Amino acid sequence: MKARTVKRWILWMVLIDFSVFSAWVMWEVGYFGIWAAGMASPGAWQVLIDLVIAGGLICWWMVVDARKRGVNPWPWVVSTFALGTLVPLAYLLWREYEPKHQEVFNSEHINPV
């Protein structure tokens, strides 16, 4: 099996499994219940702050990567703040199916000389 196929399969499995788990958690405690749990104790605050920092770093990477690909990064970034890491996982999958930036660039800018 090709490495790219394995990568796609893993990304799909993580996205689907985490989406199902996230939907169940939202059903059980609601959107604000998740935030309340993240603020319940100093240990929970540490995990929440750590996740916010990691999310910010991921968003920074998405902005740089999307701009290299000629894509507007802001819908991905805004969605990440609302939905968490489900969005960067979806972005990684989108990248797997998007033609490589260099291939797109070369095909659109053929030198007529």
PDB file of N, CA and C in Angstrom:
ATOM      1  N   MET A   1       0.849  -1.181   0.000  1.00  0.00           N
ATOM      2  CA  MET A   1       0.000   0.000   0.000  1.00  0.00           C
ATOM      3  C   MET A   1       0.890   1.239   0.000  1.00  0.00           C
ATOM      4  N   LYS A   2       0.524   2.211  -0.818  1.00  0.00           N
ATOM      5  CA  LYS A   2       1.304   3.440  -0.904  1.00  0.00           C
ATOM      6  C   LYS A   2       1.226   4.223   0.399  1.00  0.00           C
ATOM      7  N   ALA A   3       2.301   4.980   0.689  1.00  0.00           N
ATOM      8  CA  ALA A   3       2.347   5.792   1.903  1.00  0.00           C
ATOM      9  C   ALA A   3       1.229   6.833   1.912  1.00  0.00           C
ATOM     10  N   ARG A   4       0.929   7.397   0.747  1.00  0.00           N
ATOM     11  CA  ARG A   4      -0.121   8.417   0.667  1.00  0.00           C
ATOM     12  C   ARG A   4      -1.492   7.818   0.998  1.00  0.00           C
ATOM     13  N   THR A   5      -1.734   6.592   0.545  1.00  0.00           N
ATOM     14  CA  THR A   5      -2.990   5.912   0.831  1.00  0.00           C
ATOM     15  C   THR A   5      -3.112   5.624   2.321  1.00  0.00           C
ATOM     16  N   VAL A   6      -2.033   5.184   2.937  1.00  0.00           N
ATOM     17  CA  VAL A   6      -2.035   4.916   4.377  1.00  0.00           C
ATOM     18  C   VAL A   6      -2.284   6.212   5.144  1.00  0.00           C
ATOM     19  N   LYS A   7      -1.634   7.280   4.729  1.00  0.00           N
ATOM     20  CA  LYS A   7      -1.812   8.580   5.388  1.00  0.00           C
ATOM     21  C   LYS A   7      -3.270   9.027   5.313  1.00  0.00           C
ATOM     22  N   ARG A   8      -3.869   8.910   4.132  1.00  0.00           N
ATOM     23  CA  ARG A   8      -5.278   9.283   3.976  1.00  0.00           C
ATOM     24  C   ARG A   8      -6.171   8.414   4.849  1.00  0.00           C
ATOM     25  N   TRP A   9      -5.923   7.124   4.864  1.00  0.00           N
ATOM     26  CA  TRP A   9      -6.724   6.198   5.656  1.00  0.00           C
ATOM     27  C   TRP A   9      -6.657   6.562   7.140  1.00  0.00           C
ATOM     28  N   ILE A  10      -5.451   6.847   7.629  1.00  0.00           N
ATOM     29  CA  ILE A  10      -5.277   7.218   9.042  1.00  0.00           C
ATOM     30  C   ILE A  10      -6.003   8.525   9.339  1.00  0.00           C
ATOM     31  N   LEU A  11      -5.846   9.522   8.476  1.00  0.00           N
ATOM     32  CA  LEU A  11      -6.526  10.801   8.693  1.00  0.00           C
ATOM     33  C   LEU A  11      -8.040  10.616   8.715  1.00  0.00           C
ATOM     34  N   TRP A  12      -8.588   9.838   7.775  1.00  0.00           N
ATOM     35  CA  TRP A  12     -10.029   9.576   7.761  1.00  0.00           C
ATOM     36  C   TRP A  12     -10.475   8.899   9.046  1.00  0.00           C
ATOM     37  N   MET A  13      -9.735   7.905   9.499  1.00  0.00           N
ATOM     38  CA  MET A  13     -10.121   7.173  10.709  1.00  0.00           C
ATOM     39  C   MET A  13     -10.101   8.089  11.938  1.00  0.00           C
ATOM     40  N   VAL A  14      -9.061   8.897  12.067  1.00  0.00           N
ATOM     41  CA  VAL A  14      -8.974   9.810  13.210  1.00  0.00           C
ATOM     42  C   VAL A  14     -10.107  10.835  13.143  1.00  0.00           C
ATOM     43  N   LEU A  15     -10.342  11.407  11.965  1.00  0.00           N
ATOM     44  CA  LEU A  15     -11.401  12.406  11.818  1.00  0.00           C
ATOM     45  C   LEU A  15     -12.773  11.812  12.137  1.00  0.00           C
ATOM     46  N   ILE A  16     -13.062  10.647  11.605  1.00  0.00           N
ATOM     47  CA  ILE A  16     -14.367  10.021  11.843  1.00  0.00           C
ATOM     48  C   ILE A  16     -14.524   9.649  13.311  1.00  0.00           C
ATOM     49  N   ASP A  17     -13.524   8.974  13.876  1.00  0.00           N
ATOM     50  CA  ASP A  17     -13.620   8.558  15.283  1.00  0.00           C
ATOM     51  C   ASP A  17     -13.748   9.750  16.223  1.00  0.00           C
ATOM     52  N   PHE A  18     -12.924  10.770  15.995  1.00  0.00           N
ATOM     53  CA  PHE A  18     -12.976  11.936  16.878  1.00  0.00           C
ATOM     54  C   PHE A  18     -14.269  12.716  16.683  1.00  0.00           C
ATOM     55  N   SER A  19     -14.782  12.755  15.459  1.00  0.00           N
ATOM     56  CA  SER A  19     -16.063  13.429  15.207  1.00  0.00           C
ATOM     57  C   SER A  19     -17.202  12.736  15.946  1.00  0.00           C
ATOM     58  N   VAL A  20     -17.218  11.415  15.892  1.00  0.00           N
ATOM     59  CA  VAL A  20     -18.260  10.656  16.596  1.00  0.00           C
ATOM     60  C   VAL A  20     -18.141  10.880  18.102  1.00  0.00           C
ATOM     61  N   PHE A  21     -16.922  10.796  18.621  1.00  0.00           N
ATOM     62  CA  PHE A  21     -16.723  11.029  20.059  1.00  0.00           C
ATOM     63  C   PHE A  21     -17.132  12.452  20.447  1.00  0.00           C
ATOM     64  N   SER A  22     -16.738  13.441  19.638  1.00  0.00           N
ATOM     65  CA  SER A  22     -17.085  14.839  19.929  1.00  0.00           C
ATOM     66  C   SER A  22     -18.590  15.050  19.897  1.00  0.00           C
ATOM     67  N   ALA A  23     -19.265  14.429  18.945  1.00  0.00           N
ATOM     68  CA  ALA A  23     -20.726  14.543  18.874  1.00  0.00           C
ATOM     69  C   ALA A  23     -21.371  13.946  20.122  1.00  0.00           C
ATOM     70  N   TRP A  24     -20.867  12.809  20.576  1.00  0.00           N
ATOM     71  CA  TRP A  24     -21.399  12.184  21.787  1.00  0.00           C
ATOM     72  C   TRP A  24     -21.193  13.096  23.002  1.00  0.00           C
ATOM     73  N   VAL A  25     -19.994  13.656  23.123  1.00  0.00           N
ATOM     74  CA  VAL A  25     -19.705  14.554  24.255  1.00  0.00           C
ATOM     75  C   VAL A  25     -20.616  15.779  24.201  1.00  0.00           C
ATOM     76  N   MET A  26     -20.789  16.342  23.022  1.00  0.00           N
ATOM     77  CA  MET A  26     -21.686  17.501  22.888  1.00  0.00           C
ATOM     78  C   MET A  26     -23.113  17.119  23.285  1.00  0.00           C
ATOM     79  N   TRP A  27     -23.544  15.932  22.915  1.00  0.00           N
ATOM     80  CA  TRP A  27     -24.877  15.459  23.277  1.00  0.00           C
ATOM     81  C   TRP A  27     -25.006  15.338  24.798  1.00  0.00           C
ATOM     82  N   GLU A  28     -23.942  14.842  25.434  1.00  0.00           N
ATOM     83  CA  GLU A  28     -23.966  14.611  26.879  1.00  0.00           C
ATOM     84  C   GLU A  28     -23.881  15.893  27.704  1.00  0.00           C
ATOM     85  N   VAL A  29     -22.966  16.795  27.348  1.00  0.00           N
ATOM     86  CA  VAL A  29     -22.723  17.960  28.205  1.00  0.00           C
ATOM     87  C   VAL A  29     -22.965  19.301  27.517  1.00  0.00           C
ATOM     88  N   GLY A  30     -23.107  19.310  26.197  1.00  0.00           N
ATOM     89  CA  GLY A  30     -23.307  20.562  25.468  1.00  0.00           C
ATOM     90  C   GLY A  30     -22.001  21.299  25.214  1.00  0.00           C
ATOM     91  N   TYR A  31     -22.060  22.261  24.324  1.00  0.00           N
ATOM     92  CA  TYR A  31     -20.869  23.027  23.938  1.00  0.00           C
ATOM     93  C   TYR A  31     -20.261  23.740  25.144  1.00  0.00           C
ATOM     94  N   PHE A  32     -21.085  24.413  25.920  1.00  0.00           N
ATOM     95  CA  PHE A  32     -20.566  25.163  27.067  1.00  0.00           C
ATOM     96  C   PHE A  32     -20.158  24.241  28.204  1.00  0.00           C
ATOM     97  N   GLY A  33     -20.720  23.044  28.249  1.00  0.00           N
ATOM     98  CA  GLY A  33     -20.305  22.065  29.239  1.00  0.00           C
ATOM     99  C   GLY A  33     -18.869  21.623  29.049  1.00  0.00           C
ATOM    100  N   ILE A  34     -18.443  21.569  27.793  1.00  0.00           N
ATOM    101  CA  ILE A  34     -17.046  21.228  27.506  1.00  0.00           C
ATOM    102  C   ILE A  34     -16.131  22.313  28.054  1.00  0.00           C
ATOM    103  N   TRP A  35     -16.500  23.572  27.817  1.00  0.00           N
ATOM    104  CA  TRP A  35     -15.697  24.687  28.338  1.00  0.00           C
ATOM    105  C   TRP A  35     -15.713  24.712  29.865  1.00  0.00           C
ATOM    106  N   ALA A  36     -16.866  24.439  30.459  1.00  0.00           N
ATOM    107  CA  ALA A  36     -16.961  24.431  31.926  1.00  0.00           C
ATOM    108  C   ALA A  36     -16.046  23.363  32.509  1.00  0.00           C
ATOM    109  N   ALA A  37     -15.990  22.202  31.867  1.00  0.00           N
ATOM    110  CA  ALA A  37     -15.101  21.140  32.345  1.00  0.00           C
ATOM    111  C   ALA A  37     -13.642  21.574  32.242  1.00  0.00           C
ATOM    112  N   GLY A  38     -13.324  22.355  31.216  1.00  0.00           N
ATOM    113  CA  GLY A  38     -11.964  22.844  31.042  1.00  0.00           C
ATOM    114  C   GLY A  38     -11.563  23.903  32.043  1.00  0.00           C
ATOM    115  N   MET A  39     -12.537  24.412  32.800  1.00  0.00           N
ATOM    116  CA  MET A  39     -12.257  25.448  33.798  1.00  0.00           C
ATOM    117  C   MET A  39     -12.557  24.981  35.218  1.00  0.00           C
ATOM    118  N   ALA A  40     -12.755  23.689  35.393  1.00  0.00           N
ATOM    119  CA  ALA A  40     -13.210  23.157  36.671  1.00  0.00           C
ATOM    120  C   ALA A  40     -12.135  23.114  37.755  1.00  0.00           C
ATOM    121  N   SER A  41     -10.873  23.083  37.374  1.00  0.00           N
ATOM    122  CA  SER A  41      -9.794  22.979  38.363  1.00  0.00           C
ATOM    123  C   SER A  41      -8.510  23.542  37.761  1.00  0.00           C
ATOM    124  N   PRO A  42      -7.492  23.783  38.579  1.00  0.00           N
ATOM    125  CA  PRO A  42      -6.221  24.253  38.013  1.00  0.00           C
ATOM    126  C   PRO A  42      -5.642  23.273  36.987  1.00  0.00           C
ATOM    127  N   GLY A  43      -5.788  21.989  37.226  1.00  0.00           N
ATOM    128  CA  GLY A  43      -5.307  21.004  36.253  1.00  0.00           C
ATOM    129  C   GLY A  43      -6.060  21.092  34.945  1.00  0.00           C
ATOM    130  N   ALA A  44      -7.369  21.292  35.025  1.00  0.00           N
ATOM    131  CA  ALA A  44      -8.177  21.436  33.814  1.00  0.00           C
ATOM    132  C   ALA A  44      -7.807  22.718  33.072  1.00  0.00           C
ATOM    133  N   TRP A  45      -7.545  23.798  33.820  1.00  0.00           N
ATOM    134  CA  TRP A  45      -7.103  25.050  33.200  1.00  0.00           C
ATOM    135  C   TRP A  45      -5.797  24.833  32.442  1.00  0.00           C
ATOM    136  N   GLN A  46      -4.877  24.068  33.036  1.00  0.00           N
ATOM    137  CA  GLN A  46      -3.593  23.814  32.382  1.00  0.00           C
ATOM    138  C   GLN A  46      -3.805  23.110  31.049  1.00  0.00           C
ATOM    139  N   VAL A  47      -4.671  22.104  31.041  1.00  0.00           N
ATOM    140  CA  VAL A  47      -4.956  21.369  29.800  1.00  0.00           C
ATOM    141  C   VAL A  47      -5.629  22.297  28.789  1.00  0.00           C
ATOM    142  N   LEU A  48      -6.580  23.097  29.234  1.00  0.00           N
ATOM    143  CA  LEU A  48      -7.282  24.023  28.342  1.00  0.00           C
ATOM    144  C   LEU A  48      -6.316  25.037  27.730  1.00  0.00           C
ATOM    145  N   ILE A  49      -5.471  25.639  28.546  1.00  0.00           N
ATOM    146  CA  ILE A  49      -4.504  26.620  28.034  1.00  0.00           C
ATOM    147  C   ILE A  49      -3.531  25.951  27.067  1.00  0.00           C
ATOM    148  N   ASP A  50      -3.088  24.747  27.397  1.00  0.00           N
ATOM    149  CA  ASP A  50      -2.200  24.004  26.516  1.00  0.00           C
ATOM    150  C   ASP A  50      -2.857  23.765  25.155  1.00  0.00           C
ATOM    151  N   LEU A  51      -4.127  23.392  25.164  1.00  0.00           N
ATOM    152  CA  LEU A  51      -4.849  23.157  23.914  1.00  0.00           C
ATOM    153  C   LEU A  51      -5.046  24.447  23.118  1.00  0.00           C
ATOM    154  N   VAL A  52      -5.283  25.549  23.807  1.00  0.00           N
ATOM    155  CA  VAL A  52      -5.435  26.834  23.120  1.00  0.00           C
ATOM    156  C   VAL A  52      -4.115  27.234  22.455  1.00  0.00           C
ATOM    157  N   ILE A  53      -3.007  27.040  23.152  1.00  0.00           N
ATOM    158  CA  ILE A  53      -1.688  27.349  22.569  1.00  0.00           C
ATOM    159  C   ILE A  53      -1.429  26.447  21.360  1.00  0.00           C
ATOM    160  N   ALA A  54      -1.680  25.150  21.517  1.00  0.00           N
ATOM    161  CA  ALA A  54      -1.473  24.216  20.406  1.00  0.00           C
ATOM    162  C   ALA A  54      -2.382  24.576  19.227  1.00  0.00           C
ATOM    163  N   GLY A  55      -3.629  24.930  19.510  1.00  0.00           N
ATOM    164  CA  GLY A  55      -4.549  25.341  18.445  1.00  0.00           C
ATOM    165  C   GLY A  55      -4.067  26.585  17.727  1.00  0.00           C
ATOM    166  N   GLY A  56      -3.522  27.532  18.481  1.00  0.00           N
ATOM    167  CA  GLY A  56      -2.967  28.737  17.870  1.00  0.00           C
ATOM    168  C   GLY A  56      -1.792  28.431  16.954  1.00  0.00           C
ATOM    169  N   LEU A  57      -0.920  27.533  17.400  1.00  0.00           N
ATOM    170  CA  LEU A  57       0.220  27.131  16.565  1.00  0.00           C
ATOM    171  C   LEU A  57      -0.253  26.413  15.297  1.00  0.00           C
ATOM    172  N   ILE A  58      -1.258  25.568  15.445  1.00  0.00           N
ATOM    173  CA  ILE A  58      -1.809  24.869  14.278  1.00  0.00           C
ATOM    174  C   ILE A  58      -2.427  25.878  13.308  1.00  0.00           C
ATOM    175  N   CYS A  59      -3.137  26.860  13.836  1.00  0.00           N
ATOM    176  CA  CYS A  59      -3.738  27.889  12.971  1.00  0.00           C
ATOM    177  C   CYS A  59      -2.667  28.680  12.244  1.00  0.00           C
ATOM    178  N   TRP A  60      -1.600  28.994  12.937  1.00  0.00           N
ATOM    179  CA  TRP A  60      -0.494  29.719  12.315  1.00  0.00           C
ATOM    180  C   TRP A  60       0.054  28.899  11.140  1.00  0.00           C
ATOM    181  N   TRP A  61       0.270  27.600  11.358  1.00  0.00           N
ATOM    182  CA  TRP A  61       0.754  26.729  10.294  1.00  0.00           C
ATOM    183  C   TRP A  61      -0.254  26.689   9.141  1.00  0.00           C
ATOM    184  N   MET A  62      -1.554  26.588   9.455  1.00  0.00           N
ATOM    185  CA  MET A  62      -2.563  26.528   8.392  1.00  0.00           C
ATOM    186  C   MET A  62      -2.551  27.796   7.546  1.00  0.00           C
ATOM    187  N   VAL A  63      -2.379  28.957   8.189  1.00  0.00           N
ATOM    188  CA  VAL A  63      -2.334  30.222   7.449  1.00  0.00           C
ATOM    189  C   VAL A  63      -1.160  30.207   6.463  1.00  0.00           C
ATOM    190  N   VAL A  64       0.014  29.832   6.941  1.00  0.00           N
ATOM    191  CA  VAL A  64       1.203  29.787   6.081  1.00  0.00           C
ATOM    192  C   VAL A  64       0.998  28.784   4.948  1.00  0.00           C
ATOM    193  N   ASP A  65       0.530  27.589   5.276  1.00  0.00           N
ATOM    194  CA  ASP A  65       0.349  26.536   4.273  1.00  0.00           C
ATOM    195  C   ASP A  65      -0.722  26.910   3.252  1.00  0.00           C
ATOM    196  N   ALA A  66      -1.845  27.426   3.716  1.00  0.00           N
ATOM    197  CA  ALA A  66      -2.928  27.793   2.801  1.00  0.00           C
ATOM    198  C   ALA A  66      -2.488  28.902   1.857  1.00  0.00           C
ATOM    199  N   ARG A  67      -1.752  29.879   2.363  1.00  0.00           N
ATOM    200  CA  ARG A  67      -1.277  30.963   1.498  1.00  0.00           C
ATOM    201  C   ARG A  67      -0.332  30.434   0.426  1.00  0.00           C
ATOM    202  N   LYS A  68       0.523  29.480   0.780  1.00  0.00           N
ATOM    203  CA  LYS A  68       1.410  28.863  -0.212  1.00  0.00           C
ATOM    204  C   LYS A  68       0.605  28.181  -1.310  1.00  0.00           C
ATOM    205  N   ARG A  69      -0.553  27.679  -0.957  1.00  0.00           N
ATOM    206  CA  ARG A  69      -1.403  26.961  -1.908  1.00  0.00           C
ATOM    207  C   ARG A  69      -2.393  27.888  -2.613  1.00  0.00           C
ATOM    208  N   GLY A  70      -2.379  29.176  -2.265  1.00  0.00           N
ATOM    209  CA  GLY A  70      -3.288  30.127  -2.894  1.00  0.00           C
ATOM    210  C   GLY A  70      -4.720  29.998  -2.406  1.00  0.00           C
ATOM    211  N   VAL A  71      -4.888  29.588  -1.141  1.00  0.00           N
ATOM    212  CA  VAL A  71      -6.205  29.354  -0.558  1.00  0.00           C
ATOM    213  C   VAL A  71      -6.425  30.347   0.576  1.00  0.00           C
ATOM    214  N   ASN A  72      -7.645  30.828   0.722  1.00  0.00           N
ATOM    215  CA  ASN A  72      -7.987  31.712   1.840  1.00  0.00           C
ATOM    216  C   ASN A  72      -7.965  30.898   3.135  1.00  0.00           C
ATOM    217  N   PRO A  73      -7.070  31.202   4.074  1.00  0.00           N
ATOM    218  CA  PRO A  73      -6.966  30.401   5.295  1.00  0.00           C
ATOM    219  C   PRO A  73      -7.997  30.750   6.365  1.00  0.00           C
ATOM    220  N   TRP A  74      -8.631  31.908   6.255  1.00  0.00           N
ATOM    221  CA  TRP A  74      -9.435  32.404   7.371  1.00  0.00           C
ATOM    222  C   TRP A  74     -10.685  31.583   7.687  1.00  0.00           C
ATOM    223  N   PRO A  75     -11.367  30.997   6.726  1.00  0.00           N
ATOM    224  CA  PRO A  75     -12.476  30.116   7.110  1.00  0.00           C
ATOM    225  C   PRO A  75     -12.000  28.926   7.953  1.00  0.00           C
ATOM    226  N   TRP A  76     -10.825  28.404   7.632  1.00  0.00           N
ATOM    227  CA  TRP A  76     -10.268  27.288   8.394  1.00  0.00           C
ATOM    228  C   TRP A  76      -9.908  27.729   9.816  1.00  0.00           C
ATOM    229  N   VAL A  77      -9.305  28.904   9.934  1.00  0.00           N
ATOM    230  CA  VAL A  77      -8.877  29.411  11.248  1.00  0.00           C
ATOM    231  C   VAL A  77     -10.084  29.709  12.128  1.00  0.00           C
ATOM    232  N   VAL A  78     -11.059  30.434  11.601  1.00  0.00           N
ATOM    233  CA  VAL A  78     -12.248  30.787  12.385  1.00  0.00           C
ATOM    234  C   VAL A  78     -12.985  29.522  12.816  1.00  0.00           C
ATOM    235  N   SER A  79     -13.109  28.579  11.905  1.00  0.00           N
ATOM    236  CA  SER A  79     -13.782  27.314  12.239  1.00  0.00           C
ATOM    237  C   SER A  79     -13.037  26.544  13.314  1.00  0.00           C
ATOM    238  N   THR A  80     -11.712  26.633  13.315  1.00  0.00           N
ATOM    239  CA  THR A  80     -10.919  25.938  14.331  1.00  0.00           C
ATOM    240  C   THR A  80     -11.237  26.476  15.719  1.00  0.00           C
ATOM    241  N   PHE A  81     -11.410  27.800  15.837  1.00  0.00           N
ATOM    242  CA  PHE A  81     -11.727  28.371  17.144  1.00  0.00           C
ATOM    243  C   PHE A  81     -13.105  27.926  17.634  1.00  0.00           C
ATOM    244  N   ALA A  82     -14.005  27.625  16.719  1.00  0.00           N
ATOM    245  CA  ALA A  82     -15.345  27.177  17.105  1.00  0.00           C
ATOM    246  C   ALA A  82     -15.427  25.670  17.321  1.00  0.00           C
ATOM    247  N   LEU A  83     -14.713  24.902  16.497  1.00  0.00           N
ATOM    248  CA  LEU A  83     -14.886  23.446  16.499  1.00  0.00           C
ATOM    249  C   LEU A  83     -13.656  22.655  16.948  1.00  0.00           C
ATOM    250  N   GLY A  84     -12.555  23.347  17.197  1.00  0.00           N
ATOM    251  CA  GLY A  84     -11.369  22.647  17.671  1.00  0.00           C
ATOM    252  C   GLY A  84     -10.627  21.904  16.571  1.00  0.00           C
ATOM    253  N   THR A  85      -9.947  20.839  16.966  1.00  0.00           N
ATOM    254  CA  THR A  85      -9.031  20.158  16.055  1.00  0.00           C
ATOM    255  C   THR A  85      -9.721  19.354  14.960  1.00  0.00           C
ATOM    256  N   LEU A  86     -11.034  19.277  14.976  1.00  0.00           N
ATOM    257  CA  LEU A  86     -11.720  18.640  13.855  1.00  0.00           C
ATOM    258  C   LEU A  86     -11.412  19.385  12.554  1.00  0.00           C
ATOM    259  N   VAL A  87     -11.300  20.699  12.633  1.00  0.00           N
ATOM    260  CA  VAL A  87     -11.065  21.511  11.439  1.00  0.00           C
ATOM    261  C   VAL A  87      -9.645  21.302  10.890  1.00  0.00           C
ATOM    262  N   PRO A  88      -8.591  21.373  11.710  1.00  0.00           N
ATOM    263  CA  PRO A  88      -7.265  21.065  11.160  1.00  0.00           C
ATOM    264  C   PRO A  88      -7.169  19.636  10.606  1.00  0.00           C
ATOM    265  N   LEU A  89      -7.860  18.704  11.218  1.00  0.00           N
ATOM    266  CA  LEU A  89      -7.882  17.345  10.653  1.00  0.00           C
ATOM    267  C   LEU A  89      -8.529  17.349   9.266  1.00  0.00           C
ATOM    268  N   ALA A  90      -9.626  18.081   9.130  1.00  0.00           N
ATOM    269  CA  ALA A  90     -10.280  18.190   7.825  1.00  0.00           C
ATOM    270  C   ALA A  90      -9.369  18.909   6.830  1.00  0.00           C
ATOM    271  N   TYR A  91      -8.644  19.917   7.290  1.00  0.00           N
ATOM    272  CA  TYR A  91      -7.707  20.632   6.419  1.00  0.00           C
ATOM    273  C   TYR A  91      -6.613  19.694   5.920  1.00  0.00           C
ATOM    274  N   LEU A  92      -6.073  18.877   6.829  1.00  0.00           N
ATOM    275  CA  LEU A  92      -5.048  17.913   6.420  1.00  0.00           C
ATOM    276  C   LEU A  92      -5.586  16.953   5.364  1.00  0.00           C
ATOM    277  N   LEU A  93      -6.821  16.524   5.525  1.00  0.00           N
ATOM    278  CA  LEU A  93      -7.430  15.659   4.517  1.00  0.00           C
ATOM    279  C   LEU A  93      -7.629  16.400   3.205  1.00  0.00           C
ATOM    280  N   TRP A  94      -8.102  17.624   3.273  1.00  0.00           N
ATOM    281  CA  TRP A  94      -8.294  18.434   2.076  1.00  0.00           C
ATOM    282  C   TRP A  94      -6.977  18.558   1.302  1.00  0.00           C
ATOM    283  N   ARG A  95      -5.877  18.765   2.047  1.00  0.00           N
ATOM    284  CA  ARG A  95      -4.559  18.871   1.411  1.00  0.00           C
ATOM    285  C   ARG A  95      -4.186  17.591   0.679  1.00  0.00           C
ATOM    286  N   GLU A  96      -4.592  16.455   1.218  1.00  0.00           N
ATOM    287  CA  GLU A  96      -4.269  15.176   0.596  1.00  0.00           C
ATOM    288  C   GLU A  96      -4.940  15.009  -0.761  1.00  0.00           C
ATOM    289  N   TYR A  97      -6.066  15.637  -0.946  1.00  0.00           N
ATOM    290  CA  TYR A  97      -6.804  15.493  -2.200  1.00  0.00           C
ATOM    291  C   TYR A  97      -6.618  16.692  -3.135  1.00  0.00           C
ATOM    292  N   GLU A  98      -6.080  17.777  -2.604  1.00  0.00           N
ATOM    293  CA  GLU A  98      -5.814  18.977  -3.396  1.00  0.00           C
ATOM    294  C   GLU A  98      -4.560  18.739  -4.238  1.00  0.00           C
ATOM    295  N   PRO A  99      -4.579  19.153  -5.523  1.00  0.00           N
ATOM    296  CA  PRO A  99      -3.349  19.018  -6.320  1.00  0.00           C
ATOM    297  C   PRO A  99      -2.208  19.782  -5.653  1.00  0.00           C
ATOM    298  N   LYS A 100      -1.033  19.271  -5.772  1.00  0.00           N
ATOM    299  CA  LYS A 100       0.128  19.940  -5.180  1.00  0.00           C
ATOM    300  C   LYS A 100       0.236  21.361  -5.712  1.00  0.00           C
ATOM    301  N   HIS A 101       0.591  22.292  -4.831  1.00  0.00           N
ATOM    302  CA  HIS A 101       0.681  23.708  -5.195  1.00  0.00           C
ATOM    303  C   HIS A 101       1.617  23.904  -6.385  1.00  0.00           C
ATOM    304  N   GLN A 102       2.753  23.257  -6.367  1.00  0.00           N
ATOM    305  CA  GLN A 102       3.727  23.443  -7.432  1.00  0.00           C
ATOM    306  C   GLN A 102       3.173  22.959  -8.763  1.00  0.00           C
ATOM    307  N   GLU A 103       2.454  21.835  -8.775  1.00  0.00           N
ATOM    308  CA  GLU A 103       1.866  21.316 -10.002  1.00  0.00           C
ATOM    309  C   GLU A 103       0.833  22.305 -10.554  1.00  0.00           C
ATOM    310  N   VAL A 104       0.005  22.858  -9.671  1.00  0.00           N
ATOM    311  CA  VAL A 104      -0.992  23.838 -10.089  1.00  0.00           C
ATOM    312  C   VAL A 104      -0.292  25.078 -10.619  1.00  0.00           C
ATOM    313  N   PHE A 105       0.723  25.551  -9.910  1.00  0.00           N
ATOM    314  CA  PHE A 105       1.451  26.746 -10.326  1.00  0.00           C
ATOM    315  C   PHE A 105       2.083  26.535 -11.700  1.00  0.00           C
ATOM    316  N   ASN A 106       2.735  25.419 -11.918  1.00  0.00           N
ATOM    317  CA  ASN A 106       3.416  25.162 -13.195  1.00  0.00           C
ATOM    318  C   ASN A 106       2.416  25.059 -14.341  1.00  0.00           C
ATOM    319  N   SER A 107       1.267  24.460 -14.138  1.00  0.00           N
ATOM    320  CA  SER A 107       0.312  24.287 -15.223  1.00  0.00           C
ATOM    321  C   SER A 107      -0.377  25.595 -15.581  1.00  0.00           C
ATOM    322  N   GLU A 108      -0.489  26.519 -14.628  1.00  0.00           N
ATOM    323  CA  GLU A 108      -1.155  27.778 -14.893  1.00  0.00           C
ATOM    324  C   GLU A 108      -0.214  28.847 -15.468  1.00  0.00           C
ATOM    325  N   HIS A 109       1.057  28.699 -15.266  1.00  0.00           N
ATOM    326  CA  HIS A 109       2.013  29.710 -15.676  1.00  0.00           C
ATOM    327  C   HIS A 109       3.028  29.120 -16.673  1.00  0.00           C
ATOM    328  N   ILE A 110       2.528  28.618 -17.756  1.00  0.00           N
ATOM    329  CA  ILE A 110       3.412  28.052 -18.770  1.00  0.00           C
ATOM    330  C   ILE A 110       3.993  29.201 -19.574  1.00  0.00           C
ATOM    331  N   ASN A 111       5.297  29.185 -19.708  1.00  0.00           N
ATOM    332  CA  ASN A 111       5.982  30.232 -20.438  1.00  0.00           C
ATOM    333  C   ASN A 111       5.764  30.026 -21.941  1.00  0.00           C
ATOM    334  N   PRO A 112       5.190  30.996 -22.655  1.00  0.00           N
ATOM    335  CA  PRO A 112       4.893  30.814 -24.080  1.00  0.00           C
ATOM    336  C   PRO A 112       6.123  30.811 -24.977  1.00  0.00           C
ATOM    337  N   VAL A 113       7.275  31.171 -24.458  1.00  0.00           N
ATOM    338  CA  VAL A 113       8.478  31.253 -25.282  1.00  0.00           C
ATOM    339  C   VAL A 113       9.058  29.899 -25.565  1.00  0.00           C
TER     340      VAL A 113
END
